[in-house]
């Protein structure tokens, strides 16, 4: 957010902050959410890069199409280990996996 817009909002009585602040998330929970979002995006991009449908990827992993959809949406019911296994099943190496994790967005303090 631009500084002028932030200043206008604060002058009008609004509090400007991050989603983490609004939700009261700890640093650890925030990092976990960001990691899950990065893995979800990695799965979606990798699946598309390999020209796979969700059903085809599900067969590779031994899961269901609906579970793949949940992974791509970073659903809270999906475990991180399944997301990592999914990426590895597409042929992704550990170095590439590290790059996916490293690309996760960082929260900026407001």
Protein backbone atom coordinates (compact mmCIF):
# COMPACT_ATOMS: atom_id res chain seq x y z
CA UNK A 1 0.00 0.00 0.00
CA UNK A 2 1.26 3.45 -0.86
CA UNK A 3 2.25 5.67 2.03
CA UNK A 4 -0.22 8.39 1.10
CA UNK A 5 -3.16 6.00 1.08
CA UNK A 6 -2.05 4.51 4.41
CA UNK A 7 -1.75 7.98 5.92
CA UNK A 8 -5.24 8.92 4.68
CA UNK A 9 -6.76 5.77 6.14
CA UNK A 10 -5.02 6.23 9.49
CA UNK A 11 -6.08 9.90 9.57
CA UNK A 12 -9.68 8.73 9.07
CA UNK A 13 -9.36 6.46 12.10
CA UNK A 14 -8.61 3.17 10.40
CA UNK A 15 -5.89 0.81 11.58
CA UNK A 16 -3.62 -0.43 8.81
CA UNK A 17 -1.76 -3.70 9.29
CA UNK A 18 -1.05 -7.12 7.88
CA UNK A 19 -3.34 -10.12 7.63
CA UNK A 20 -1.19 -11.75 10.32
CA UNK A 21 -1.90 -8.86 12.68
CA UNK A 22 -5.61 -8.89 11.89
CA UNK A 23 -5.88 -12.62 12.53
CA UNK A 24 -3.47 -12.61 15.45
CA UNK A 25 -1.19 -15.20 13.86
CA UNK A 26 2.12 -16.05 15.48
CA UNK A 27 5.26 -15.91 13.36
CA UNK A 28 5.36 -19.72 13.29
CA UNK A 29 1.75 -20.07 12.11
CA UNK A 30 2.28 -17.36 9.52
CA UNK A 31 5.37 -19.13 8.16
CA UNK A 32 3.44 -22.43 8.06
CA UNK A 33 0.63 -20.82 6.06
CA UNK A 34 3.11 -19.25 3.64
CA UNK A 35 4.89 -22.58 3.20
CA UNK A 36 1.63 -24.34 2.44
CA UNK A 37 0.67 -21.64 -0.08
CA UNK A 38 4.06 -21.98 -1.81
CA UNK A 39 3.71 -25.76 -2.05
CA UNK A 40 0.15 -25.43 -3.36
CA UNK A 41 1.27 -23.03 -6.08
CA UNK A 42 4.21 -25.32 -6.87
CA UNK A 43 1.89 -28.29 -7.32
CA UNK A 44 -0.42 -26.37 -9.63
CA UNK A 45 2.45 -25.00 -11.73
CA UNK A 46 4.27 -28.33 -11.92
CA UNK A 47 1.09 -30.19 -12.88
CA UNK A 48 0.40 -27.72 -15.68
CA UNK A 49 4.03 -27.78 -16.82
CA UNK A 50 3.82 -31.57 -17.14
CA UNK A 51 0.43 -31.24 -18.94
CA UNK A 52 -1.29 -33.41 -16.35
CA UNK A 53 -4.89 -33.25 -15.24
CA UNK A 54 -5.67 -33.39 -11.56
CA UNK A 55 -6.90 -36.96 -12.07
CA UNK A 56 -3.67 -38.01 -13.76
CA UNK A 57 -1.59 -36.51 -10.98
CA UNK A 58 -3.82 -38.21 -8.42
CA UNK A 59 -3.06 -41.59 -10.01
CA UNK A 60 0.68 -40.86 -9.84
CA UNK A 61 0.44 -40.07 -6.14
CA UNK A 62 -2.10 -42.75 -5.27
CA UNK A 63 -4.71 -40.22 -4.24
CA UNK A 64 -7.93 -38.75 -5.61
CA UNK A 65 -8.66 -35.84 -7.93
CA UNK A 66 -10.50 -34.04 -5.16
CA UNK A 67 -7.45 -34.36 -2.89
CA UNK A 68 -5.25 -32.82 -5.61
CA UNK A 69 -7.74 -29.95 -5.91
CA UNK A 70 -7.52 -29.46 -2.14
CA UNK A 71 -3.71 -29.49 -2.33
CA UNK A 72 -3.75 -26.82 -5.03
CA UNK A 73 -6.07 -24.73 -2.86
CA UNK A 74 -3.82 -25.17 0.21
CA UNK A 75 -6.74 -26.70 2.09
CA UNK A 76 -5.97 -27.00 5.81
CA UNK A 77 -6.94 -30.68 5.81
CA UNK A 78 -4.04 -31.61 3.50
CA UNK A 79 -0.79 -32.59 5.20
CA UNK A 80 2.50 -31.05 4.09
CA UNK A 81 4.06 -34.46 3.55
CA UNK A 82 1.41 -35.33 0.94
CA UNK A 83 2.05 -32.03 -0.82
CA UNK A 84 5.79 -32.72 -0.91
CA UNK A 85 5.20 -36.30 -2.13
CA UNK A 86 2.99 -34.90 -4.86
CA UNK A 87 5.75 -32.62 -6.10
CA UNK A 88 8.31 -35.42 -5.97
CA UNK A 89 5.93 -37.70 -7.91
CA UNK A 90 6.03 -35.21 -10.80
CA UNK A 91 9.77 -35.73 -11.04
CA UNK A 92 10.75 -32.67 -9.08
CA UNK A 93 14.14 -32.95 -7.43
CA UNK A 94 15.13 -31.72 -4.00
CA UNK A 95 16.88 -28.67 -5.41
CA UNK A 96 13.73 -27.62 -7.29
CA UNK A 97 11.64 -28.31 -4.18
CA UNK A 98 13.90 -26.00 -2.21
CA UNK A 99 13.37 -23.31 -4.85
CA UNK A 100 9.59 -23.67 -4.55
CA UNK A 101 9.84 -23.25 -0.80
CA UNK A 102 12.24 -20.33 -1.11
CA UNK A 103 9.85 -18.47 -3.45
CA UNK A 104 7.13 -18.26 -0.84
CA UNK A 105 5.93 -14.72 -0.25
CA UNK A 106 7.18 -12.94 2.82
CA UNK A 107 4.79 -10.94 4.95
CA UNK A 108 5.67 -7.30 5.14
CA UNK A 109 5.11 -5.47 8.37
CA UNK A 110 2.87 -2.46 8.05
